[in-house]
Amino acid sequence: KEVKEETVVDAIEFAPHRNQKKICAVISDL
């Protein structure tokens, strides 16, 4: 809903860096 382009980029970077990597690490460990 009308957010700045930088905000969208920050959200995309936020998802993998802080969370996807954790999920992938757990799967690799399993």
PDB file of all heavy atoms in Angstrom:
ATOM      1  N   LYS A   1       0.859  -1.183   0.000  1.00  0.00           N
ATOM      2  CA  LYS A   1       0.000   0.000   0.000  1.00  0.00           C
ATOM      3  C   LYS A   1       0.899   1.237   0.000  1.00  0.00           C
ATOM      4  O   LYS A   1       1.240   1.760   1.054  1.00  0.00           O
ATOM      5  CB  LYS A   1      -0.883   0.017   1.238  1.00  0.00           C
ATOM      6  CG  LYS A   1      -1.852  -1.139   1.325  1.00  0.00           C
ATOM      7  CD  LYS A   1      -2.615  -1.095   2.623  1.00  0.00           C
ATOM      8  CE  LYS A   1      -3.498  -2.305   2.761  1.00  0.00           C
ATOM      9  NZ  LYS A   1      -4.114  -2.397   4.084  1.00  0.00           N
ATOM     10  N   GLU A   2       1.303   1.679  -1.153  1.00  0.00           N
ATOM     11  CA  GLU A   2       2.098   2.890  -1.321  1.00  0.00           C
ATOM     12  C   GLU A   2       3.253   3.011  -0.328  1.00  0.00           C
ATOM     13  O   GLU A   2       3.245   3.861   0.558  1.00  0.00           O
ATOM     14  CB  GLU A   2       1.192   4.117  -1.234  1.00  0.00           C
ATOM     15  CG  GLU A   2       0.188   4.167  -2.355  1.00  0.00           C
ATOM     16  CD  GLU A   2      -0.626   5.442  -2.361  1.00  0.00           C
ATOM     17  OE1 GLU A   2      -0.115   6.483  -1.949  1.00  0.00           O
ATOM     18  OE2 GLU A   2      -1.779   5.367  -2.799  1.00  0.00           O
ATOM     19  N   VAL A   3       4.228   2.145  -0.476  1.00  0.00           N
ATOM     20  CA  VAL A   3       5.454   2.247   0.319  1.00  0.00           C
ATOM     21  C   VAL A   3       6.606   2.581  -0.615  1.00  0.00           C
ATOM     22  O   VAL A   3       6.533   2.353  -1.825  1.00  0.00           O
ATOM     23  CB  VAL A   3       5.761   0.947   1.098  1.00  0.00           C
ATOM     24  CG1 VAL A   3       4.683   0.660   2.118  1.00  0.00           C
ATOM     25  CG2 VAL A   3       5.941  -0.231   0.167  1.00  0.00           C
ATOM     26  N   LYS A   4       7.670   3.111  -0.054  1.00  0.00           N
ATOM     27  CA  LYS A   4       8.833   3.462  -0.855  1.00  0.00           C
ATOM     28  C   LYS A   4       9.516   2.202  -1.370  1.00  0.00           C
ATOM     29  O   LYS A   4       9.483   1.152  -0.737  1.00  0.00           O
ATOM     30  CB  LYS A   4       9.823   4.272  -0.016  1.00  0.00           C
ATOM     31  CG  LYS A   4       9.315   5.622   0.375  1.00  0.00           C
ATOM     32  CD  LYS A   4      10.357   6.361   1.183  1.00  0.00           C
ATOM     33  CE  LYS A   4       9.827   7.725   1.586  1.00  0.00           C
ATOM     34  NZ  LYS A   4      10.783   8.444   2.421  1.00  0.00           N
ATOM     35  N   GLU A   5      10.156   2.356  -2.515  1.00  0.00           N
ATOM     36  CA  GLU A   5      10.887   1.243  -3.116  1.00  0.00           C
ATOM     37  C   GLU A   5      11.948   0.703  -2.159  1.00  0.00           C
ATOM     38  O   GLU A   5      12.146  -0.506  -2.055  1.00  0.00           O
ATOM     39  CB  GLU A   5      11.540   1.718  -4.412  1.00  0.00           C
ATOM     40  CG  GLU A   5      12.221   0.625  -5.201  1.00  0.00           C
ATOM     41  CD  GLU A   5      12.774   1.141  -6.520  1.00  0.00           C
ATOM     42  OE1 GLU A   5      12.160   2.022  -7.133  1.00  0.00           O
ATOM     43  OE2 GLU A   5      13.831   0.635  -6.916  1.00  0.00           O
ATOM     44  N   GLU A   6      12.607   1.588  -1.429  1.00  0.00           N
ATOM     45  CA  GLU A   6      13.643   1.173  -0.476  1.00  0.00           C
ATOM     46  C   GLU A   6      13.060   0.272   0.614  1.00  0.00           C
ATOM     47  O   GLU A   6      13.714  -0.652   1.083  1.00  0.00           O
ATOM     48  CB  GLU A   6      14.314   2.389   0.183  1.00  0.00           C
ATOM     49  CG  GLU A   6      15.069   3.287  -0.761  1.00  0.00           C
ATOM     50  CD  GLU A   6      14.173   4.298  -1.483  1.00  0.00           C
ATOM     51  OE1 GLU A   6      13.131   4.726  -0.929  1.00  0.00           O
ATOM     52  OE2 GLU A   6      14.511   4.652  -2.625  1.00  0.00           O
ATOM     53  N   THR A   7      11.823   0.543   1.019  1.00  0.00           N
ATOM     54  CA  THR A   7      11.167  -0.265   2.049  1.00  0.00           C
ATOM     55  C   THR A   7      10.927  -1.681   1.539  1.00  0.00           C
ATOM     56  O   THR A   7      11.135  -2.655   2.268  1.00  0.00           O
ATOM     57  CB  THR A   7       9.827   0.390   2.468  1.00  0.00           C
ATOM     58  OG1 THR A   7      10.093   1.721   2.892  1.00  0.00           O
ATOM     59  CG2 THR A   7       9.165  -0.381   3.584  1.00  0.00           C
ATOM     60  N   VAL A   8      10.496  -1.782   0.298  1.00  0.00           N
ATOM     61  CA  VAL A   8      10.279  -3.107  -0.301  1.00  0.00           C
ATOM     62  C   VAL A   8      11.600  -3.866  -0.373  1.00  0.00           C
ATOM     63  O   VAL A   8      11.683  -5.044  -0.003  1.00  0.00           O
ATOM     64  CB  VAL A   8       9.636  -2.984  -1.698  1.00  0.00           C
ATOM     65  CG1 VAL A   8       9.544  -4.344  -2.371  1.00  0.00           C
ATOM     66  CG2 VAL A   8       8.260  -2.338  -1.599  1.00  0.00           C
ATOM     67  N   VAL A   9      12.664  -3.201  -0.808  1.00  0.00           N
ATOM     68  CA  VAL A   9      13.986  -3.836  -0.887  1.00  0.00           C
ATOM     69  C   VAL A   9      14.442  -4.266   0.501  1.00  0.00           C
ATOM     70  O   VAL A   9      14.956  -5.379   0.679  1.00  0.00           O
ATOM     71  CB  VAL A   9      15.010  -2.887  -1.552  1.00  0.00           C
ATOM     72  CG1 VAL A   9      16.425  -3.447  -1.447  1.00  0.00           C
ATOM     73  CG2 VAL A   9      14.645  -2.640  -3.004  1.00  0.00           C
ATOM     74  N   ASP A  10      14.248  -3.400   1.501  1.00  0.00           N
ATOM     75  CA  ASP A  10      14.628  -3.756   2.875  1.00  0.00           C
ATOM     76  C   ASP A  10      13.862  -4.983   3.369  1.00  0.00           C
ATOM     77  O   ASP A  10      14.424  -5.852   4.037  1.00  0.00           O
ATOM     78  CB  ASP A  10      14.373  -2.580   3.824  1.00  0.00           C
ATOM     79  CG  ASP A  10      15.343  -1.427   3.614  1.00  0.00           C
ATOM     80  OD1 ASP A  10      16.393  -1.636   2.954  1.00  0.00           O
ATOM     81  OD2 ASP A  10      15.045  -0.317   4.103  1.00  0.00           O
ATOM     82  N   ALA A  11      12.567  -5.071   3.026  1.00  0.00           N
ATOM     83  CA  ALA A  11      11.760  -6.226   3.435  1.00  0.00           C
ATOM     84  C   ALA A  11      12.257  -7.500   2.769  1.00  0.00           C
ATOM     85  O   ALA A  11      12.327  -8.561   3.399  1.00  0.00           O
ATOM     86  CB  ALA A  11      10.294  -5.993   3.090  1.00  0.00           C
ATOM     87  N   ILE A  12      12.613  -7.396   1.496  1.00  0.00           N
ATOM     88  CA  ILE A  12      13.132  -8.571   0.779  1.00  0.00           C
ATOM     89  C   ILE A  12      14.456  -9.018   1.384  1.00  0.00           C
ATOM     90  O   ILE A  12      14.709 -10.212   1.547  1.00  0.00           O
ATOM     91  CB  ILE A  12      13.273  -8.257  -0.730  1.00  0.00           C
ATOM     92  CG1 ILE A  12      11.889  -8.088  -1.350  1.00  0.00           C
ATOM     93  CG2 ILE A  12      14.057  -9.349  -1.448  1.00  0.00           C
ATOM     94  CD1 ILE A  12      11.890  -7.517  -2.748  1.00  0.00           C
ATOM     95  N   GLU A  13      15.295  -8.069   1.758  1.00  0.00           N
ATOM     96  CA  GLU A  13      16.573  -8.420   2.395  1.00  0.00           C
ATOM     97  C   GLU A  13      16.360  -8.951   3.811  1.00  0.00           C
ATOM     98  O   GLU A  13      17.080  -9.831   4.263  1.00  0.00           O
ATOM     99  CB  GLU A  13      17.497  -7.205   2.426  1.00  0.00           C
ATOM    100  CG  GLU A  13      18.013  -6.841   1.052  1.00  0.00           C
ATOM    101  CD  GLU A  13      18.858  -5.572   1.037  1.00  0.00           C
ATOM    102  OE1 GLU A  13      18.917  -4.872   2.069  1.00  0.00           O
ATOM    103  OE2 GLU A  13      19.447  -5.300  -0.016  1.00  0.00           O
ATOM    104  N   PHE A  14      15.383  -8.430   4.511  1.00  0.00           N
ATOM    105  CA  PHE A  14      15.080  -8.855   5.877  1.00  0.00           C
ATOM    106  C   PHE A  14      14.685 -10.330   5.936  1.00  0.00           C
ATOM    107  O   PHE A  14      15.124 -11.063   6.813  1.00  0.00           O
ATOM    108  CB  PHE A  14      13.944  -7.983   6.433  1.00  0.00           C
ATOM    109  CG  PHE A  14      13.403  -8.415   7.760  1.00  0.00           C
ATOM    110  CD1 PHE A  14      14.059  -8.080   8.927  1.00  0.00           C
ATOM    111  CD2 PHE A  14      12.221  -9.130   7.835  1.00  0.00           C
ATOM    112  CE1 PHE A  14      13.549  -8.456  10.159  1.00  0.00           C
ATOM    113  CE2 PHE A  14      11.699  -9.514   9.056  1.00  0.00           C
ATOM    114  CZ  PHE A  14      12.367  -9.174  10.229  1.00  0.00           C
ATOM    115  N   ALA A  15      13.866 -10.754   4.990  1.00  0.00           N
ATOM    116  CA  ALA A  15      13.355 -12.132   4.998  1.00  0.00           C
ATOM    117  C   ALA A  15      14.462 -13.174   4.930  1.00  0.00           C
ATOM    118  O   ALA A  15      14.587 -14.002   5.835  1.00  0.00           O
ATOM    119  CB  ALA A  15      12.354 -12.325   3.867  1.00  0.00           C
ATOM    120  N   PRO A  16      15.312 -13.162   3.905  1.00  0.00           N
ATOM    121  CA  PRO A  16      16.306 -14.229   3.842  1.00  0.00           C
ATOM    122  C   PRO A  16      17.431 -14.079   4.860  1.00  0.00           C
ATOM    123  O   PRO A  16      17.871 -15.058   5.441  1.00  0.00           O
ATOM    124  CB  PRO A  16      16.853 -14.151   2.424  1.00  0.00           C
ATOM    125  CG  PRO A  16      16.453 -12.845   1.894  1.00  0.00           C
ATOM    126  CD  PRO A  16      15.273 -12.384   2.684  1.00  0.00           C
ATOM    127  N   HIS A  17      17.886 -12.862   5.088  1.00  0.00           N
ATOM    128  CA  HIS A  17      19.051 -12.712   5.947  1.00  0.00           C
ATOM    129  C   HIS A  17      18.771 -13.107   7.392  1.00  0.00           C
ATOM    130  O   HIS A  17      19.602 -13.730   8.032  1.00  0.00           O
ATOM    131  CB  HIS A  17      19.586 -11.282   5.889  1.00  0.00           C
ATOM    132  CG  HIS A  17      20.253 -10.970   4.594  1.00  0.00           C
ATOM    133  ND1 HIS A  17      21.248 -11.751   4.061  1.00  0.00           N
ATOM    134  CD2 HIS A  17      20.052  -9.984   3.706  1.00  0.00           C
ATOM    135  CE1 HIS A  17      21.632 -11.253   2.908  1.00  0.00           C
ATOM    136  NE2 HIS A  17      20.918 -10.181   2.664  1.00  0.00           N
ATOM    137  N   ARG A  18      17.618 -12.756   7.898  1.00  0.00           N
ATOM    138  CA  ARG A  18      17.352 -13.036   9.303  1.00  0.00           C
ATOM    139  C   ARG A  18      16.565 -14.318   9.523  1.00  0.00           C
ATOM    140  O   ARG A  18      16.574 -14.851  10.620  1.00  0.00           O
ATOM    141  CB  ARG A  18      16.597 -11.871   9.919  1.00  0.00           C
ATOM    142  CG  ARG A  18      17.421 -10.611   9.876  1.00  0.00           C
ATOM    143  CD  ARG A  18      17.019  -9.661  10.950  1.00  0.00           C
ATOM    144  NE  ARG A  18      17.859  -8.481  10.857  1.00  0.00           N
ATOM    145  CZ  ARG A  18      17.432  -7.261  10.980  1.00  0.00           C
ATOM    146  NH1 ARG A  18      16.173  -7.031  11.216  1.00  0.00           N
ATOM    147  NH2 ARG A  18      18.249  -6.244  10.888  1.00  0.00           N
ATOM    148  N   ASN A  19      15.875 -14.790   8.517  1.00  0.00           N
ATOM    149  CA  ASN A  19      14.953 -15.898   8.754  1.00  0.00           C
ATOM    150  C   ASN A  19      15.154 -17.097   7.850  1.00  0.00           C
ATOM    151  O   ASN A  19      15.206 -18.219   8.335  1.00  0.00           O
ATOM    152  CB  ASN A  19      13.517 -15.375   8.652  1.00  0.00           C
ATOM    153  CG  ASN A  19      13.254 -14.318   9.689  1.00  0.00           C
ATOM    154  OD1 ASN A  19      13.103 -14.637  10.849  1.00  0.00           O
ATOM    155  ND2 ASN A  19      13.264 -13.066   9.298  1.00  0.00           N
ATOM    156  N   GLN A  20      15.248 -16.891   6.554  1.00  0.00           N
ATOM    157  CA  GLN A  20      15.434 -18.035   5.660  1.00  0.00           C
ATOM    158  C   GLN A  20      16.715 -18.787   5.984  1.00  0.00           C
ATOM    159  O   GLN A  20      16.746 -20.007   5.929  1.00  0.00           O
ATOM    160  CB  GLN A  20      15.465 -17.591   4.207  1.00  0.00           C
ATOM    161  CG  GLN A  20      14.113 -17.477   3.605  1.00  0.00           C
ATOM    162  CD  GLN A  20      14.204 -16.944   2.197  1.00  0.00           C
ATOM    163  OE1 GLN A  20      15.021 -16.097   1.894  1.00  0.00           O
ATOM    164  NE2 GLN A  20      13.361 -17.439   1.346  1.00  0.00           N
ATOM    165  N   LYS A  21      17.758 -18.066   6.296  1.00  0.00           N
ATOM    166  CA  LYS A  21      19.028 -18.728   6.617  1.00  0.00           C
ATOM    167  C   LYS A  21      18.866 -19.638   7.827  1.00  0.00           C
ATOM    168  O   LYS A  21      19.434 -20.722   7.865  1.00  0.00           O
ATOM    169  CB  LYS A  21      20.127 -17.694   6.837  1.00  0.00           C
ATOM    170  CG  LYS A  21      20.569 -17.036   5.549  1.00  0.00           C
ATOM    171  CD  LYS A  21      21.713 -16.085   5.757  1.00  0.00           C
ATOM    172  CE  LYS A  21      22.092 -15.500   4.406  1.00  0.00           C
ATOM    173  NZ  LYS A  21      23.291 -14.696   4.448  1.00  0.00           N
ATOM    174  N   LYS A  22      18.066 -19.210   8.820  1.00  0.00           N
ATOM    175  CA  LYS A  22      17.811 -20.047   9.994  1.00  0.00           C
ATOM    176  C   LYS A  22      17.071 -21.320   9.578  1.00  0.00           C
ATOM    177  O   LYS A  22      17.404 -22.417  10.013  1.00  0.00           O
ATOM    178  CB  LYS A  22      16.979 -19.289  11.024  1.00  0.00           C
ATOM    179  CG  LYS A  22      17.697 -18.151  11.698  1.00  0.00           C
ATOM    180  CD  LYS A  22      16.746 -17.433  12.646  1.00  0.00           C
ATOM    181  CE  LYS A  22      17.362 -16.178  13.194  1.00  0.00           C
ATOM    182  NZ  LYS A  22      16.409 -15.409  14.013  1.00  0.00           N
ATOM    183  N   ILE A  23      16.038 -21.147   8.746  1.00  0.00           N
ATOM    184  CA  ILE A  23      15.245 -22.296   8.293  1.00  0.00           C
ATOM    185  C   ILE A  23      16.133 -23.270   7.525  1.00  0.00           C
ATOM    186  O   ILE A  23      16.112 -24.477   7.768  1.00  0.00           O
ATOM    187  CB  ILE A  23      14.065 -21.818   7.413  1.00  0.00           C
ATOM    188  CG1 ILE A  23      13.080 -21.011   8.245  1.00  0.00           C
ATOM    189  CG2 ILE A  23      13.372 -23.000   6.740  1.00  0.00           C
ATOM    190  CD1 ILE A  23      12.048 -20.246   7.420  1.00  0.00           C
ATOM    191  N   CYS A  24      16.937 -22.750   6.594  1.00  0.00           N
ATOM    192  CA  CYS A  24      17.804 -23.598   5.781  1.00  0.00           C
ATOM    193  C   CYS A  24      18.850 -24.303   6.631  1.00  0.00           C
ATOM    194  O   CYS A  24      19.186 -25.466   6.389  1.00  0.00           O
ATOM    195  CB  CYS A  24      18.468 -22.777   4.676  1.00  0.00           C
ATOM    196  SG  CYS A  24      17.291 -22.183   3.444  1.00  0.00           S
ATOM    197  N   ALA A  25      19.354 -23.620   7.676  1.00  0.00           N
ATOM    198  CA  ALA A  25      20.346 -24.232   8.564  1.00  0.00           C
ATOM    199  C   ALA A  25      19.743 -25.400   9.328  1.00  0.00           C
ATOM    200  O   ALA A  25      20.381 -26.454   9.481  1.00  0.00           O
ATOM    201  CB  ALA A  25      20.902 -23.187   9.527  1.00  0.00           C
ATOM    202  N   VAL A  26      18.503 -25.250   9.785  1.00  0.00           N
ATOM    203  CA  VAL A  26      17.833 -26.336  10.508  1.00  0.00           C
ATOM    204  C   VAL A  26      17.635 -27.543   9.584  1.00  0.00           C
ATOM    205  O   VAL A  26      17.864 -28.691   9.977  1.00  0.00           O
ATOM    206  CB  VAL A  26      16.474 -25.853  11.084  1.00  0.00           C
ATOM    207  CG1 VAL A  26      15.634 -27.023  11.567  1.00  0.00           C
ATOM    208  CG2 VAL A  26      16.711 -24.859  12.200  1.00  0.00           C
ATOM    209  N   ILE A  27      17.231 -27.290   8.340  1.00  0.00           N
ATOM    210  CA  ILE A  27      17.025 -28.385   7.382  1.00  0.00           C
ATOM    211  C   ILE A  27      18.343 -29.087   7.089  1.00  0.00           C
ATOM    212  O   ILE A  27      18.411 -30.317   7.068  1.00  0.00           O
ATOM    213  CB  ILE A  27      16.390 -27.858   6.086  1.00  0.00           C
ATOM    214  CG1 ILE A  27      14.994 -27.318   6.371  1.00  0.00           C
ATOM    215  CG2 ILE A  27      16.336 -28.949   5.015  1.00  0.00           C
ATOM    216  CD1 ILE A  27      14.441 -26.467   5.267  1.00  0.00           C
ATOM    217  N   SER A  28      19.411 -28.325   6.880  1.00  0.00           N
ATOM    218  CA  SER A  28      20.722 -28.926   6.613  1.00  0.00           C
ATOM    219  C   SER A  28      21.184 -29.758   7.793  1.00  0.00           C
ATOM    220  O   SER A  28      21.740 -30.848   7.624  1.00  0.00           O
ATOM    221  CB  SER A  28      21.756 -27.837   6.308  1.00  0.00           C
ATOM    222  OG  SER A  28      21.435 -27.201   5.098  1.00  0.00           O
ATOM    223  N   ASP A  29      20.953 -29.255   9.003  1.00  0.00           N
ATOM    224  CA  ASP A  29      21.328 -29.986  10.213  1.00  0.00           C
ATOM    225  C   ASP A  29      20.541 -31.296  10.306  1.00  0.00           C
ATOM    226  O   ASP A  29      21.097 -32.349  10.621  1.00  0.00           O
ATOM    227  CB  ASP A  29      21.072 -29.114  11.440  1.00  0.00           C
ATOM    228  CG  ASP A  29      21.561 -29.755  12.723  1.00  0.00           C
ATOM    229  OD1 ASP A  29      22.707 -30.267  12.725  1.00  0.00           O
ATOM    230  OD2 ASP A  29      20.810 -29.745  13.716  1.00  0.00           O
ATOM    231  N   LEU A  30      19.249 -31.233   9.994  1.00  0.00           N
ATOM    232  CA  LEU A  30      18.417 -32.434  10.015  1.00  0.00           C
ATOM    233  C   LEU A  30      18.911 -33.448   8.990  1.00  0.00           C
ATOM    234  O   LEU A  30      19.014 -34.643   9.284  1.00  0.00           O
ATOM    235  CB  LEU A  30      16.955 -32.063   9.740  1.00  0.00           C
ATOM    236  CG  LEU A  30      15.955 -33.210   9.728  1.00  0.00           C
ATOM    237  CD1 LEU A  30      15.920 -33.895  11.087  1.00  0.00           C
ATOM    238  CD2 LEU A  30      14.576 -32.690   9.359  1.00  0.00           C
TER     239      LEU A  30
END
